[in-house]
Amino acid sequence: MVSWERNRGSLQEKFQLLRSATNSHAQNETSIITDASKYIQNLKKKVERFKEDTAAEQSSSEPTDPTTPMVKVETLEKGFMIKVFSGENQPGMLVSVLEAFEDMGLDVLEARVSCTDSFSLHAMGVKQNEDEERMDAEAVKQAVTDAISSWGETNVPPFL
């Protein structure tokens, strides 16, 4: 008799945990389970939407040619977030991008770079002199893209 009461108490605790985890206001066990099932189905739908959104974002943001660098620039409150990605590491590209920042008068506050198999740069840049004319994200993107293009033209590997 005591073990039955202990099991019943344990089961009631688990129902209360399930009820609180799923934000259910149900009082009986059947309703708690029904609410939990609906909650799980809702979570599954959210996961599917997230997967679809992520896949769509990746397919639209990745260049079709892995050697063609992709450049994205986002405007921040005080500066820009610049993202450069190329499926193939190209030695010297980092120097070219940083020179473009310098030419535009951008100070790099923070940067993450990976140059192992592919090339990836995430940098936050701010304008050195606020008195100069306002710079927009499209101008920054164009300057970085031009720097990469001109670097690529002058650094074509010789054919054997």
N, C-alpha and C. Protein backbone atom coordinates (compact mmCIF):
# COMPACT_ATOMS: atom_id res chain seq x y z
N MET A 1 0.82 -1.20 0.00
CA MET A 1 0.00 0.00 0.00
C MET A 1 0.87 1.27 0.00
N VAL A 2 1.95 1.25 0.74
CA VAL A 2 2.81 2.41 0.84
C VAL A 2 3.50 2.66 -0.50
N SER A 3 3.96 1.60 -1.20
CA SER A 3 4.63 1.79 -2.48
C SER A 3 3.67 2.34 -3.53
N TRP A 4 2.39 1.93 -3.47
CA TRP A 4 1.39 2.46 -4.41
C TRP A 4 1.21 3.95 -4.19
N GLU A 5 1.15 4.38 -2.94
CA GLU A 5 0.99 5.81 -2.63
C GLU A 5 2.23 6.60 -3.05
N ARG A 6 3.38 5.98 -2.86
CA ARG A 6 4.63 6.66 -3.26
C ARG A 6 4.66 6.81 -4.78
N ASN A 7 4.30 5.75 -5.54
CA ASN A 7 4.26 5.82 -7.00
C ASN A 7 3.25 6.85 -7.47
N ARG A 8 2.10 6.90 -6.80
CA ARG A 8 1.06 7.86 -7.15
C ARG A 8 1.56 9.29 -6.93
N GLY A 9 2.26 9.52 -5.82
CA GLY A 9 2.83 10.84 -5.53
C GLY A 9 3.88 11.23 -6.55
N SER A 10 4.71 10.27 -6.94
CA SER A 10 5.74 10.53 -7.95
C SER A 10 5.10 10.87 -9.29
N LEU A 11 4.03 10.13 -9.63
CA LEU A 11 3.32 10.39 -10.87
C LEU A 11 2.68 11.79 -10.85
N GLN A 12 2.13 12.18 -9.73
CA GLN A 12 1.52 13.51 -9.61
C GLN A 12 2.58 14.60 -9.77
N GLU A 13 3.78 14.39 -9.21
CA GLU A 13 4.87 15.36 -9.38
C GLU A 13 5.24 15.51 -10.85
N LYS A 14 5.29 14.38 -11.55
CA LYS A 14 5.65 14.41 -12.97
C LYS A 14 4.58 15.12 -13.79
N PHE A 15 3.32 14.93 -13.45
CA PHE A 15 2.25 15.65 -14.14
C PHE A 15 2.37 17.15 -13.88
N GLN A 16 2.73 17.53 -12.67
CA GLN A 16 2.88 18.95 -12.35
C GLN A 16 4.06 19.55 -13.13
N LEU A 17 5.16 18.79 -13.25
CA LEU A 17 6.29 19.25 -14.05
C LEU A 17 5.89 19.42 -15.51
N LEU A 18 5.15 18.44 -16.04
CA LEU A 18 4.69 18.51 -17.43
C LEU A 18 3.75 19.69 -17.60
N ARG A 19 2.90 19.89 -16.66
CA ARG A 19 1.95 21.01 -16.70
C ARG A 19 2.68 22.35 -16.73
N SER A 20 3.70 22.50 -15.88
CA SER A 20 4.43 23.77 -15.84
C SER A 20 5.31 23.95 -17.08
N ALA A 21 5.89 22.87 -17.59
CA ALA A 21 6.76 22.97 -18.77
C ALA A 21 5.97 23.36 -20.02
N THR A 22 4.72 22.96 -20.08
CA THR A 22 3.91 23.25 -21.27
C THR A 22 2.96 24.42 -21.06
N ASN A 23 3.07 25.10 -19.93
CA ASN A 23 2.20 26.24 -19.60
C ASN A 23 0.72 25.86 -19.64
N SER A 24 0.42 24.66 -19.19
CA SER A 24 -0.96 24.18 -19.19
C SER A 24 -1.66 24.64 -17.91
N HIS A 25 -2.95 24.96 -18.04
CA HIS A 25 -3.76 25.31 -16.88
C HIS A 25 -4.76 24.21 -16.55
N ALA A 26 -4.58 23.08 -17.19
CA ALA A 26 -5.50 21.95 -17.00
C ALA A 26 -5.34 21.38 -15.59
N GLN A 27 -6.44 20.79 -15.10
CA GLN A 27 -6.43 20.22 -13.76
C GLN A 27 -6.32 18.69 -13.78
N ASN A 28 -6.96 18.03 -14.76
CA ASN A 28 -6.90 16.58 -14.76
C ASN A 28 -5.79 16.07 -15.67
N GLU A 29 -5.41 14.83 -15.45
CA GLU A 29 -4.26 14.25 -16.14
C GLU A 29 -4.46 14.16 -17.65
N THR A 30 -5.65 13.81 -18.10
CA THR A 30 -5.92 13.70 -19.52
C THR A 30 -5.74 15.04 -20.22
N SER A 31 -6.23 16.08 -19.62
CA SER A 31 -6.11 17.42 -20.21
C SER A 31 -4.66 17.89 -20.22
N ILE A 32 -3.91 17.54 -19.18
CA ILE A 32 -2.49 17.91 -19.14
C ILE A 32 -1.75 17.23 -20.29
N ILE A 33 -2.04 15.95 -20.52
CA ILE A 33 -1.40 15.21 -21.61
C ILE A 33 -1.81 15.78 -22.96
N THR A 34 -3.07 16.14 -23.12
CA THR A 34 -3.55 16.74 -24.37
C THR A 34 -2.84 18.07 -24.63
N ASP A 35 -2.73 18.91 -23.60
CA ASP A 35 -2.04 20.18 -23.74
C ASP A 35 -0.56 19.97 -24.08
N ALA A 36 0.07 18.98 -23.46
CA ALA A 36 1.47 18.68 -23.73
C ALA A 36 1.65 18.23 -25.19
N SER A 37 0.71 17.45 -25.68
CA SER A 37 0.78 16.98 -27.06
C SER A 37 0.67 18.15 -28.03
N LYS A 38 -0.25 19.06 -27.76
CA LYS A 38 -0.39 20.25 -28.61
C LYS A 38 0.87 21.11 -28.56
N TYR A 39 1.44 21.22 -27.38
CA TYR A 39 2.66 22.00 -27.20
C TYR A 39 3.80 21.41 -28.03
N ILE A 40 3.94 20.09 -28.00
CA ILE A 40 4.98 19.40 -28.77
C ILE A 40 4.77 19.59 -30.26
N GLN A 41 3.53 19.49 -30.72
CA GLN A 41 3.23 19.70 -32.14
C GLN A 41 3.59 21.12 -32.56
N ASN A 42 3.29 22.07 -31.71
CA ASN A 42 3.62 23.47 -31.99
C ASN A 42 5.13 23.66 -32.08
N LEU A 43 5.88 23.03 -31.17
CA LEU A 43 7.34 23.11 -31.21
C LEU A 43 7.89 22.49 -32.49
N LYS A 44 7.30 21.36 -32.92
CA LYS A 44 7.75 20.72 -34.16
C LYS A 44 7.56 21.66 -35.35
N LYS A 45 6.42 22.35 -35.39
CA LYS A 45 6.16 23.30 -36.48
C LYS A 45 7.19 24.43 -36.47
N LYS A 46 7.52 24.93 -35.27
CA LYS A 46 8.50 26.01 -35.16
C LYS A 46 9.87 25.54 -35.63
N VAL A 47 10.25 24.32 -35.29
CA VAL A 47 11.53 23.77 -35.72
C VAL A 47 11.57 23.65 -37.24
N GLU A 48 10.49 23.17 -37.84
CA GLU A 48 10.43 23.05 -39.30
C GLU A 48 10.55 24.41 -39.97
N ARG A 49 9.84 25.41 -39.46
CA ARG A 49 9.93 26.77 -40.02
C ARG A 49 11.34 27.31 -39.89
N PHE A 50 11.96 27.05 -38.75
CA PHE A 50 13.34 27.50 -38.54
C PHE A 50 14.27 26.84 -39.54
N LYS A 51 14.12 25.54 -39.74
CA LYS A 51 14.96 24.82 -40.71
C LYS A 51 14.76 25.37 -42.12
N GLU A 52 13.51 25.62 -42.50
CA GLU A 52 13.22 26.17 -43.82
C GLU A 52 13.83 27.56 -43.99
N ASP A 53 13.68 28.40 -42.97
CA ASP A 53 14.23 29.76 -43.04
C ASP A 53 15.75 29.72 -43.13
N THR A 54 16.37 28.84 -42.36
CA THR A 54 17.82 28.73 -42.37
C THR A 54 18.31 28.22 -43.71
N ALA A 55 17.63 27.22 -44.26
CA ALA A 55 18.02 26.69 -45.57
C ALA A 55 17.87 27.75 -46.66
N ALA A 56 16.77 28.50 -46.61
CA ALA A 56 16.54 29.55 -47.61
C ALA A 56 17.61 30.64 -47.49
N GLU A 57 17.97 31.01 -46.27
CA GLU A 57 18.98 32.03 -46.06
C GLU A 57 20.34 31.57 -46.56
N GLN A 58 20.68 30.32 -46.28
CA GLN A 58 21.97 29.80 -46.73
C GLN A 58 22.03 29.71 -48.25
N SER A 59 20.95 29.25 -48.86
CA SER A 59 20.98 29.11 -50.32
C SER A 59 21.03 30.46 -51.01
N SER A 60 20.41 31.47 -50.41
CA SER A 60 20.43 32.79 -51.05
C SER A 60 21.72 33.54 -50.75
N SER A 61 22.41 33.19 -49.67
CA SER A 61 23.60 33.96 -49.31
C SER A 61 24.89 33.32 -49.80
N GLU A 62 24.87 32.06 -50.16
CA GLU A 62 26.09 31.41 -50.61
C GLU A 62 26.27 31.64 -52.10
N PRO A 63 27.46 32.04 -52.50
CA PRO A 63 27.70 32.23 -53.93
C PRO A 63 27.68 30.89 -54.64
N THR A 64 27.27 30.91 -55.92
CA THR A 64 27.22 29.67 -56.68
C THR A 64 28.61 29.16 -56.99
N ASP A 65 29.56 30.04 -57.21
CA ASP A 65 30.94 29.67 -57.42
C ASP A 65 31.67 29.83 -56.09
N PRO A 66 32.23 28.73 -55.53
CA PRO A 66 32.85 28.83 -54.20
C PRO A 66 34.06 29.75 -54.17
N THR A 67 34.64 30.06 -55.31
CA THR A 67 35.80 30.96 -55.33
C THR A 67 35.38 32.42 -55.40
N THR A 68 34.10 32.69 -55.70
CA THR A 68 33.61 34.06 -55.75
C THR A 68 33.24 34.51 -54.34
N PRO A 69 33.93 35.49 -53.81
CA PRO A 69 33.63 35.95 -52.45
C PRO A 69 32.27 36.63 -52.36
N MET A 70 31.60 36.40 -51.25
CA MET A 70 30.32 37.03 -50.97
C MET A 70 30.57 38.11 -49.91
N VAL A 71 30.03 39.29 -50.12
CA VAL A 71 30.21 40.40 -49.19
C VAL A 71 28.84 40.87 -48.72
N LYS A 72 28.67 40.96 -47.40
CA LYS A 72 27.44 41.51 -46.80
C LYS A 72 27.85 42.62 -45.85
N VAL A 73 27.09 43.70 -45.86
CA VAL A 73 27.37 44.81 -44.94
C VAL A 73 26.06 45.22 -44.28
N GLU A 74 26.09 45.27 -42.95
CA GLU A 74 24.92 45.71 -42.18
C GLU A 74 25.28 47.01 -41.47
N THR A 75 24.35 47.95 -41.45
CA THR A 75 24.57 49.20 -40.75
C THR A 75 24.26 49.01 -39.27
N LEU A 76 25.20 49.40 -38.44
CA LEU A 76 25.02 49.37 -36.98
C LEU A 76 24.80 50.79 -36.49
N GLU A 77 24.53 50.93 -35.22
CA GLU A 77 24.30 52.25 -34.66
C GLU A 77 25.48 53.18 -34.92
N LYS A 78 26.68 52.67 -34.70
CA LYS A 78 27.88 53.48 -34.93
C LYS A 78 28.87 52.68 -35.76
N GLY A 79 28.55 52.46 -37.01
CA GLY A 79 29.49 51.76 -37.87
C GLY A 79 28.81 50.70 -38.72
N PHE A 80 29.59 49.66 -39.04
CA PHE A 80 29.12 48.62 -39.94
C PHE A 80 29.61 47.25 -39.49
N MET A 81 28.80 46.23 -39.77
CA MET A 81 29.23 44.84 -39.61
C MET A 81 29.48 44.34 -41.02
N ILE A 82 30.73 43.98 -41.30
CA ILE A 82 31.12 43.55 -42.64
C ILE A 82 31.42 42.06 -42.59
N LYS A 83 30.78 41.30 -43.48
CA LYS A 83 30.98 39.86 -43.54
C LYS A 83 31.44 39.51 -44.95
N VAL A 84 32.56 38.80 -45.02
CA VAL A 84 33.10 38.35 -46.30
C VAL A 84 33.27 36.84 -46.20
N PHE A 85 32.79 36.12 -47.21
CA PHE A 85 32.94 34.67 -47.23
C PHE A 85 33.33 34.21 -48.63
N SER A 86 34.29 33.30 -48.67
CA SER A 86 34.68 32.66 -49.92
C SER A 86 34.89 31.19 -49.61
N GLY A 87 34.35 30.32 -50.44
CA GLY A 87 34.47 28.89 -50.22
C GLY A 87 35.88 28.38 -50.35
N GLU A 88 36.77 29.21 -50.86
CA GLU A 88 38.16 28.81 -51.05
C GLU A 88 39.05 29.88 -50.42
N ASN A 89 40.02 29.45 -49.62
CA ASN A 89 40.95 30.39 -49.02
C ASN A 89 41.87 30.94 -50.10
N GLN A 90 41.97 32.25 -50.16
CA GLN A 90 42.81 32.90 -51.15
C GLN A 90 43.81 33.78 -50.41
N PRO A 91 45.08 33.34 -50.35
CA PRO A 91 46.09 34.09 -49.59
C PRO A 91 46.17 35.54 -50.03
N GLY A 92 46.25 36.42 -49.07
CA GLY A 92 46.37 37.84 -49.36
C GLY A 92 45.05 38.58 -49.39
N MET A 93 43.93 37.87 -49.40
CA MET A 93 42.63 38.54 -49.47
C MET A 93 42.38 39.37 -48.22
N LEU A 94 42.80 38.87 -47.07
CA LEU A 94 42.61 39.61 -45.81
C LEU A 94 43.31 40.96 -45.87
N VAL A 95 44.51 40.99 -46.36
CA VAL A 95 45.27 42.24 -46.47
C VAL A 95 44.53 43.21 -47.37
N SER A 96 44.00 42.72 -48.47
CA SER A 96 43.28 43.57 -49.42
C SER A 96 42.03 44.17 -48.77
N VAL A 97 41.30 43.36 -48.03
CA VAL A 97 40.08 43.86 -47.37
C VAL A 97 40.45 44.90 -46.31
N LEU A 98 41.47 44.63 -45.52
CA LEU A 98 41.88 45.58 -44.48
C LEU A 98 42.39 46.89 -45.08
N GLU A 99 43.06 46.82 -46.22
CA GLU A 99 43.49 48.04 -46.91
C GLU A 99 42.28 48.84 -47.38
N ALA A 100 41.22 48.14 -47.83
CA ALA A 100 39.99 48.83 -48.24
C ALA A 100 39.37 49.55 -47.05
N PHE A 101 39.39 48.90 -45.88
CA PHE A 101 38.88 49.56 -44.67
C PHE A 101 39.66 50.84 -44.40
N GLU A 102 40.96 50.74 -44.50
CA GLU A 102 41.83 51.90 -44.24
C GLU A 102 41.55 53.01 -45.25
N ASP A 103 41.40 52.66 -46.52
CA ASP A 103 41.12 53.66 -47.55
C ASP A 103 39.80 54.37 -47.31
N MET A 104 38.82 53.65 -46.75
CA MET A 104 37.51 54.26 -46.46
C MET A 104 37.51 55.03 -45.16
N GLY A 105 38.58 54.89 -44.38
CA GLY A 105 38.64 55.57 -43.09
C GLY A 105 37.88 54.82 -42.01
N LEU A 106 37.83 53.50 -42.11
CA LEU A 106 37.15 52.69 -41.10
C LEU A 106 38.16 52.09 -40.13
N ASP A 107 37.89 52.23 -38.84
CA ASP A 107 38.68 51.55 -37.82
C ASP A 107 38.01 50.22 -37.53
N VAL A 108 38.78 49.15 -37.43
CA VAL A 108 38.24 47.84 -37.09
C VAL A 108 38.24 47.73 -35.57
N LEU A 109 37.04 47.63 -35.00
CA LEU A 109 36.93 47.51 -33.54
C LEU A 109 37.03 46.05 -33.10
N GLU A 110 36.49 45.18 -33.91
CA GLU A 110 36.47 43.76 -33.56
C GLU A 110 36.41 42.98 -34.86
N ALA A 111 37.14 41.85 -34.92
CA ALA A 111 37.12 41.04 -36.12
C ALA A 111 37.38 39.58 -35.78
N ARG A 112 36.73 38.72 -36.55
CA ARG A 112 36.97 37.28 -36.49
C ARG A 112 37.28 36.83 -37.90
N VAL A 113 38.40 36.13 -38.05
CA VAL A 113 38.83 35.70 -39.38
C VAL A 113 39.17 34.22 -39.33
N SER A 114 38.78 33.51 -40.38
CA SER A 114 39.16 32.12 -40.54
C SER A 114 39.71 31.97 -41.95
N CYS A 115 40.90 31.43 -42.04
CA CYS A 115 41.55 31.29 -43.34
C CYS A 115 42.09 29.87 -43.53
N THR A 116 41.41 28.87 -43.02
CA THR A 116 41.92 27.51 -43.16
C THR A 116 41.58 26.98 -44.54
N ASP A 117 40.43 26.34 -44.70
CA ASP A 117 40.02 25.84 -46.02
C ASP A 117 39.25 26.89 -46.81
N SER A 118 38.43 27.64 -46.11
CA SER A 118 37.66 28.71 -46.74
C SER A 118 38.10 30.02 -46.10
N PHE A 119 37.59 31.12 -46.63
CA PHE A 119 37.91 32.44 -46.08
C PHE A 119 36.64 33.03 -45.50
N SER A 120 36.70 33.43 -44.24
CA SER A 120 35.56 34.03 -43.58
C SER A 120 36.05 35.19 -42.72
N LEU A 121 35.40 36.34 -42.88
CA LEU A 121 35.74 37.52 -42.10
C LEU A 121 34.46 38.16 -41.59
N HIS A 122 34.40 38.39 -40.29
CA HIS A 122 33.33 39.16 -39.67
C HIS A 122 34.02 40.29 -38.94
N ALA A 123 33.78 41.51 -39.36
CA ALA A 123 34.46 42.66 -38.75
C ALA A 123 33.48 43.78 -38.46
N MET A 124 33.71 44.47 -37.36
CA MET A 124 32.92 45.63 -37.03
C MET A 124 33.82 46.85 -37.21
N GLY A 125 33.41 47.73 -38.10
CA GLY A 125 34.20 48.92 -38.39
C GLY A 125 33.42 50.19 -38.13
N VAL A 126 34.12 51.20 -37.65
CA VAL A 126 33.51 52.51 -37.43
C VAL A 126 34.33 53.57 -38.15
N LYS A 127 33.67 54.64 -38.52
CA LYS A 127 34.31 55.75 -39.23
C LYS A 127 35.31 56.44 -38.30
N GLN A 128 36.52 56.68 -38.81
CA GLN A 128 37.57 57.31 -38.01
C GLN A 128 37.21 58.76 -37.69
N ASN A 129 36.72 59.48 -38.70
CA ASN A 129 36.43 60.90 -38.53
C ASN A 129 34.94 61.11 -38.78
N GLU A 130 34.20 61.43 -37.73
CA GLU A 130 32.75 61.62 -37.83
C GLU A 130 32.38 62.89 -38.59
N ASP A 131 33.34 63.82 -38.75
CA ASP A 131 33.05 65.08 -39.42
C ASP A 131 32.88 64.92 -40.92
N GLU A 132 33.47 63.86 -41.48
CA GLU A 132 33.38 63.64 -42.92
C GLU A 132 31.96 63.25 -43.29
N GLU A 133 31.71 63.18 -44.60
CA GLU A 133 30.38 62.83 -45.07
C GLU A 133 29.97 61.45 -44.60
N ARG A 134 28.69 61.26 -44.44
CA ARG A 134 28.11 60.00 -43.95
C ARG A 134 28.31 58.91 -44.99
N MET A 135 28.74 57.73 -44.55
CA MET A 135 28.97 56.60 -45.44
C MET A 135 27.81 55.62 -45.27
N ASP A 136 27.35 55.03 -46.36
CA ASP A 136 26.27 54.06 -46.25
C ASP A 136 26.80 52.65 -46.49
N ALA A 137 25.99 51.67 -46.13
CA ALA A 137 26.38 50.26 -46.21
C ALA A 137 26.70 49.84 -47.64
N GLU A 138 25.97 50.36 -48.60
CA GLU A 138 26.20 49.99 -50.00
C GLU A 138 27.57 50.46 -50.47
N ALA A 139 27.99 51.65 -50.03
CA ALA A 139 29.31 52.17 -50.41
C ALA A 139 30.41 51.31 -49.80
N VAL A 140 30.22 50.88 -48.56
CA VAL A 140 31.21 50.01 -47.90
C VAL A 140 31.28 48.67 -48.63
N LYS A 141 30.13 48.13 -48.96
CA LYS A 141 30.09 46.84 -49.67
C LYS A 141 30.80 46.96 -51.02
N GLN A 142 30.52 48.03 -51.73
CA GLN A 142 31.14 48.22 -53.05
C GLN A 142 32.65 48.36 -52.93
N ALA A 143 33.11 49.10 -51.92
CA ALA A 143 34.55 49.30 -51.75
C ALA A 143 35.25 47.98 -51.42
N VAL A 144 34.64 47.16 -50.56
CA VAL A 144 35.23 45.87 -50.20
C VAL A 144 35.20 44.94 -51.41
N THR A 145 34.09 44.91 -52.13
CA THR A 145 33.98 44.07 -53.33
C THR A 145 35.01 44.49 -54.37
N ASP A 146 35.18 45.80 -54.58
CA ASP A 146 36.18 46.29 -55.53
C ASP A 146 37.59 45.89 -55.11
N ALA A 147 37.86 45.98 -53.81
CA ALA A 147 39.20 45.63 -53.32
C ALA A 147 39.48 44.15 -53.55
N ILE A 148 38.48 43.32 -53.32
CA ILE A 148 38.65 41.88 -53.54
C ILE A 148 38.83 41.60 -55.02
N SER A 149 38.02 42.25 -55.86
CA SER A 149 38.12 42.05 -57.31
C SER A 149 39.47 42.49 -57.84
N SER A 150 39.92 43.67 -57.43
CA SER A 150 41.21 44.15 -57.93
C SER A 150 42.34 43.30 -57.38
N TRP A 151 42.22 42.80 -56.16
CA TRP A 151 43.23 41.89 -55.62
C TRP A 151 43.26 40.60 -56.44
N GLY A 152 42.07 40.06 -56.76
CA GLY A 152 41.99 38.82 -57.52
C GLY A 152 42.59 38.94 -58.90
N GLU A 153 42.44 40.09 -59.55
CA GLU A 153 42.98 40.31 -60.88
C GLU A 153 44.50 40.38 -60.87
N THR A 154 45.06 40.94 -59.82
CA THR A 154 46.52 41.08 -59.77
C THR A 154 47.20 39.85 -59.18
N ASN A 155 46.43 38.95 -58.58
CA ASN A 155 47.02 37.78 -57.93
C ASN A 155 46.53 36.47 -58.54
N VAL A 156 46.39 36.42 -59.85
CA VAL A 156 45.99 35.21 -60.52
C VAL A 156 47.18 34.25 -60.53
N PRO A 157 47.01 33.02 -60.02
CA PRO A 157 48.15 32.10 -60.00
C PRO A 157 48.56 31.71 -61.41
N PRO A 158 49.85 31.57 -61.65
CA PRO A 158 50.33 31.21 -62.99
C PRO A 158 49.97 29.76 -63.30
N PHE A 159 49.67 29.50 -64.56
CA PHE A 159 49.38 28.14 -65.00
C PHE A 159 50.69 27.46 -65.36
N LEU A 160 50.78 26.19 -65.04
CA LEU A 160 52.00 25.44 -65.33
C LEU A 160 51.94 24.77 -66.67
